[in-house]
Amino acid sequence: MKSWKTTLCGVLGFVATVITVVAQPLLDGDPATEPMWAVAGTALAACIGLFFARDNDKSSEDVGTK
């Protein structure tokens, strides 16, 4: 993991998204509450982008790209 800062942000964002957008509406006790799937999909797409992003202080040579 050469860009640990952005990867960590992606992981934390993924966990926060799952908890607030999916798990919390399912566990609130109100059967009328639905998970916000569109919001979850958008936030998870951003988290996936962070998994593959490179830290600002890393050069292409540092991470092994050509």
C-alpha atoms as a PDB file:
ATOM      1  CA  MET A   1       0.000   0.000   0.000  1.00  0.00           C
ATOM      2  CA  LYS A   2       2.081   2.885  -1.294  1.00  0.00           C
ATOM      3  CA  SER A   3      -0.586   5.582  -0.867  1.00  0.00           C
ATOM      4  CA  TRP A   4      -1.787   4.715   2.586  1.00  0.00           C
ATOM      5  CA  LYS A   5      -3.415   8.078   3.310  1.00  0.00           C
ATOM      6  CA  THR A   6      -5.850   7.977   0.403  1.00  0.00           C
ATOM      7  CA  THR A   7      -6.489   4.262   0.871  1.00  0.00           C
ATOM      8  CA  LEU A   8      -7.308   4.872   4.543  1.00  0.00           C
ATOM      9  CA  CYS A   9      -9.706   7.657   3.575  1.00  0.00           C
ATOM     10  CA  GLY A  10     -11.371   5.305   1.101  1.00  0.00           C
ATOM     11  CA  VAL A  11     -11.789   2.586   3.729  1.00  0.00           C
ATOM     12  CA  LEU A  12     -13.138   5.010   6.337  1.00  0.00           C
ATOM     13  CA  GLY A  13     -15.503   6.520   3.781  1.00  0.00           C
ATOM     14  CA  PHE A  14     -16.750   3.057   2.828  1.00  0.00           C
ATOM     15  CA  VAL A  15     -17.424   2.146   6.467  1.00  0.00           C
ATOM     16  CA  ALA A  16     -19.146   5.471   7.163  1.00  0.00           C
ATOM     17  CA  THR A  17     -21.314   5.108   4.062  1.00  0.00           C
ATOM     18  CA  VAL A  18     -22.423   1.604   4.932  1.00  0.00           C
ATOM     19  CA  ILE A  19     -23.252   2.592   8.506  1.00  0.00           C
ATOM     20  CA  THR A  20     -25.116   5.834   7.812  1.00  0.00           C
ATOM     21  CA  VAL A  21     -26.811   5.145   4.492  1.00  0.00           C
ATOM     22  CA  VAL A  22     -27.573   1.428   4.652  1.00  0.00           C
ATOM     23  CA  ALA A  23     -27.342  -0.019   8.175  1.00  0.00           C
ATOM     24  CA  GLN A  24     -28.824   2.855  10.147  1.00  0.00           C
ATOM     25  CA  PRO A  25     -32.121   2.988   8.196  1.00  0.00           C
ATOM     26  CA  LEU A  26     -32.474  -0.797   8.454  1.00  0.00           C
ATOM     27  CA  LEU A  27     -31.861  -0.809  12.206  1.00  0.00           C
ATOM     28  CA  ASP A  28     -33.896   2.246  13.273  1.00  0.00           C
ATOM     29  CA  GLY A  29     -37.038   0.232  14.072  1.00  0.00           C
ATOM     30  CA  ASP A  30     -39.265   2.082  11.607  1.00  0.00           C
ATOM     31  CA  PRO A  31     -40.402  -0.255   8.803  1.00  0.00           C
ATOM     32  CA  ALA A  32     -41.180   2.728   6.556  1.00  0.00           C
ATOM     33  CA  THR A  33     -37.545   3.830   6.474  1.00  0.00           C
ATOM     34  CA  GLU A  34     -35.707   2.671   3.354  1.00  0.00           C
ATOM     35  CA  PRO A  35     -31.962   2.655   2.688  1.00  0.00           C
ATOM     36  CA  MET A  36     -30.856   5.428   0.308  1.00  0.00           C
ATOM     37  CA  TRP A  37     -29.352   3.249  -2.427  1.00  0.00           C
ATOM     38  CA  ALA A  38     -28.612   6.094  -4.874  1.00  0.00           C
ATOM     39  CA  VAL A  39     -26.697   8.009  -2.204  1.00  0.00           C
ATOM     40  CA  ALA A  40     -24.892   4.822  -1.190  1.00  0.00           C
ATOM     41  CA  GLY A  41     -23.859   4.093  -4.779  1.00  0.00           C
ATOM     42  CA  THR A  42     -22.515   7.597  -5.306  1.00  0.00           C
ATOM     43  CA  ALA A  43     -20.567   7.625  -2.039  1.00  0.00           C
ATOM     44  CA  LEU A  44     -19.159   4.143  -2.641  1.00  0.00           C
ATOM     45  CA  ALA A  45     -17.999   5.168  -6.121  1.00  0.00           C
ATOM     46  CA  ALA A  46     -16.049   8.017  -4.527  1.00  0.00           C
ATOM     47  CA  CYS A  47     -14.552   5.587  -1.995  1.00  0.00           C
ATOM     48  CA  ILE A  48     -13.456   3.244  -4.772  1.00  0.00           C
ATOM     49  CA  GLY A  49     -11.786   6.208  -6.469  1.00  0.00           C
ATOM     50  CA  LEU A  50      -9.825   6.858  -3.291  1.00  0.00           C
ATOM     51  CA  PHE A  51      -8.637   3.238  -3.196  1.00  0.00           C
ATOM     52  CA  PHE A  52      -6.877   3.790  -6.530  1.00  0.00           C
ATOM     53  CA  ALA A  53      -5.750   7.385  -5.983  1.00  0.00           C
ATOM     54  CA  ARG A  54      -2.183   8.379  -5.269  1.00  0.00           C
ATOM     55  CA  ASP A  55      -1.063  10.563  -2.364  1.00  0.00           C
ATOM     56  CA  ASN A  56      -0.081  14.083  -3.319  1.00  0.00           C
ATOM     57  CA  ASP A  57       3.432  13.654  -1.933  1.00  0.00           C
ATOM     58  CA  LYS A  58       4.171  10.562  -4.089  1.00  0.00           C
ATOM     59  CA  SER A  59       5.717  10.802  -7.548  1.00  0.00           C
ATOM     60  CA  SER A  60       5.087   8.372 -10.382  1.00  0.00           C
ATOM     61  CA  GLU A  61       8.511   6.852  -9.777  1.00  0.00           C
ATOM     62  CA  ASP A  62       7.751   6.388  -6.051  1.00  0.00           C
ATOM     63  CA  VAL A  63       4.704   4.244  -6.787  1.00  0.00           C
ATOM     64  CA  GLY A  64       6.259   2.334  -9.671  1.00  0.00           C
ATOM     65  CA  THR A  65       4.316   3.674 -12.649  1.00  0.00           C
ATOM     66  CA  LYS A  66       5.995   4.358 -15.972  1.00  0.00           C
END
